[in-house]
Amino acid sequence: MIKNGIINGDLASLLARFRHVNTIAIVDGPFPTYPGVETIDLALVMGTPTICQVLDAILPHLDLTGMFLAAEFESKVDAATVAEYKRHHGGLPTTIIAHEDFKVKVSQALGIIHTGDAVPYSSVILKSG
């Protein structure tokens, strides 16, 4: 039995297959689904879990080179919430892109981790290598 770390079997499997030049998206509750992309649905109710909670759980286990964030997150969400979320981004170099471009990048991801996060535009795409 695993004593610590990621205990969700589907999530652990996705993270184990996350390799050089792959991306994984961690998306908010209302984010659209992509039938051709593996989705790990962690959403319980709106607000749980948050993207921050998922980042806090998985970042210690990953070797990442950066992340993508939608420009609308900073322009449409209050500054205090943006600052709080950025504290959970692990200091990763961040590329800001338009939300429409963000959605295209999600469709190319190895997998999607769907949360119950209610903060609009808070989704992130993690990249390896």
Protein backbone atom coordinates (compact mmCIF):
# COMPACT_ATOMS: atom_id res chain seq x y z
CA MET A 1 0.00 0.00 0.00
CA ILE A 2 1.26 3.49 -0.85
CA LYS A 3 1.82 5.44 2.36
CA ASN A 4 2.23 8.90 0.83
CA GLY A 5 2.29 10.67 -2.50
CA ILE A 6 -0.40 10.41 -5.16
CA ILE A 7 -2.88 7.67 -4.21
CA ASN A 8 -5.38 8.24 -7.02
CA GLY A 9 -4.49 5.40 -9.40
CA ASP A 10 -5.54 7.17 -12.61
CA LEU A 11 -3.66 10.33 -11.67
CA ALA A 12 -0.56 8.39 -10.62
CA SER A 13 -0.62 6.57 -13.98
CA LEU A 14 -0.90 9.82 -15.95
CA LEU A 15 1.96 11.41 -14.00
CA ALA A 16 4.14 8.32 -14.52
CA ARG A 17 3.67 8.66 -18.30
CA PHE A 18 4.37 12.43 -18.32
CA ARG A 19 7.67 12.67 -20.19
CA HIS A 20 9.98 15.08 -21.98
CA VAL A 21 8.08 17.66 -24.12
CA ASN A 22 4.66 16.46 -22.85
CA THR A 23 2.10 18.78 -21.33
CA ILE A 24 -0.63 18.18 -18.77
CA ALA A 25 -3.53 20.57 -18.25
CA ILE A 26 -5.10 21.21 -14.86
CA VAL A 27 -8.46 22.82 -15.56
CA ASP A 28 -11.26 24.51 -13.65
CA GLY A 29 -14.73 23.05 -13.16
CA PRO A 30 -16.51 24.64 -16.15
CA PHE A 31 -13.62 24.03 -18.60
CA PRO A 32 -14.77 22.09 -21.71
CA THR A 33 -14.00 18.42 -22.20
CA TYR A 34 -11.85 17.03 -25.00
CA PRO A 35 -13.00 13.52 -26.00
CA GLY A 36 -9.63 12.66 -27.57
CA VAL A 37 -7.57 13.59 -24.49
CA GLU A 38 -7.36 11.40 -21.39
CA THR A 39 -9.16 13.13 -18.52
CA ILE A 40 -8.68 12.44 -14.84
CA ASP A 41 -11.79 13.85 -13.19
CA LEU A 42 -11.06 14.89 -9.62
CA ALA A 43 -14.03 17.28 -9.37
CA LEU A 44 -16.23 16.56 -6.37
CA VAL A 45 -18.37 19.68 -6.10
CA MET A 46 -17.86 23.17 -7.46
CA GLY A 47 -14.88 24.52 -5.55
CA THR A 48 -13.34 21.16 -4.63
CA PRO A 49 -10.60 20.42 -5.29
CA THR A 50 -9.03 23.67 -6.40
CA ILE A 51 -6.27 23.95 -8.96
CA CYS A 52 -4.03 25.17 -6.13
CA GLN A 53 -4.68 22.01 -4.12
CA VAL A 54 -3.84 19.82 -7.10
CA LEU A 55 -0.68 21.80 -7.85
CA ASP A 56 0.44 21.53 -4.22
CA ALA A 57 -0.05 17.75 -4.37
CA ILE A 58 1.68 17.04 -7.68
CA LEU A 59 4.41 19.65 -8.18
CA PRO A 60 6.82 18.02 -5.69
CA HIS A 61 6.74 14.87 -7.85
CA LEU A 62 7.43 16.48 -11.23
CA ASP A 63 10.42 17.85 -13.11
CA LEU A 64 8.93 20.78 -15.05
CA THR A 65 10.34 23.47 -17.30
CA GLY A 66 7.38 25.84 -17.30
CA MET A 67 3.68 26.44 -17.52
CA PHE A 68 1.11 28.18 -19.66
CA LEU A 69 -1.56 30.48 -18.25
CA ALA A 70 -4.40 32.30 -20.02
CA ALA A 71 -3.95 36.08 -20.24
CA GLU A 72 -7.55 36.49 -19.15
CA PHE A 73 -6.67 35.15 -15.69
CA GLU A 74 -4.80 38.33 -14.82
CA SER A 75 -7.09 40.68 -16.75
CA LYS A 76 -10.47 39.34 -15.55
CA VAL A 77 -9.79 37.99 -12.04
CA ASP A 78 -9.18 40.22 -9.03
CA ALA A 79 -5.54 40.87 -8.15
CA ALA A 80 -5.73 39.24 -4.70
CA THR A 81 -6.98 35.94 -6.16
CA VAL A 82 -4.36 36.03 -8.92
CA ALA A 83 -1.61 36.60 -6.33
CA GLU A 84 -2.92 33.75 -4.16
CA TYR A 85 -2.96 31.33 -7.10
CA LYS A 86 0.49 32.34 -8.28
CA ARG A 87 1.87 31.36 -4.87
CA HIS A 88 0.98 27.78 -5.81
CA HIS A 89 2.63 27.88 -9.24
CA GLY A 90 5.95 26.74 -7.82
CA GLY A 91 7.92 29.64 -9.29
CA LEU A 92 7.75 28.01 -12.74
CA PRO A 93 8.55 30.16 -15.75
CA THR A 94 5.14 31.11 -17.11
CA THR A 95 4.10 31.82 -20.67
CA ILE A 96 0.96 33.95 -20.91
CA ILE A 97 -1.25 33.19 -23.92
CA ALA A 98 -4.77 34.11 -25.05
CA HIS A 99 -7.51 31.85 -23.69
CA GLU A 100 -8.40 30.66 -27.20
CA ASP A 101 -4.78 29.58 -27.75
CA PHE A 102 -4.81 27.99 -24.30
CA LYS A 103 -7.78 25.82 -25.29
CA VAL A 104 -5.92 24.67 -28.42
CA LYS A 105 -2.88 23.69 -26.30
CA VAL A 106 -5.14 21.71 -23.94
CA SER A 107 -6.34 19.67 -26.91
CA GLN A 108 -2.70 18.66 -27.52
CA ALA A 109 -1.96 17.65 -23.92
CA LEU A 110 -1.06 14.15 -22.76
CA GLY A 111 -3.87 14.45 -20.26
CA ILE A 112 -6.28 16.74 -18.46
CA ILE A 113 -6.79 16.87 -14.72
CA HIS A 114 -10.31 18.22 -14.17
CA THR A 115 -10.89 19.99 -10.86
CA GLY A 116 -13.91 21.61 -9.26
CA ASP A 117 -12.19 25.00 -9.17
CA ALA A 118 -14.66 27.86 -9.57
CA VAL A 119 -12.16 30.65 -10.38
CA PRO A 120 -12.47 31.51 -14.08
CA TYR A 121 -9.39 31.28 -16.29
CA SER A 122 -7.35 29.71 -13.44
CA SER A 123 -6.46 26.63 -15.50
CA VAL A 124 -2.78 25.88 -16.12
CA ILE A 125 -0.81 23.74 -18.54
CA LEU A 126 2.37 22.20 -17.14
CA LYS A 127 5.22 21.39 -19.51
CA SER A 128 8.14 19.01 -19.20
CA GLY A 129 11.34 19.60 -21.13
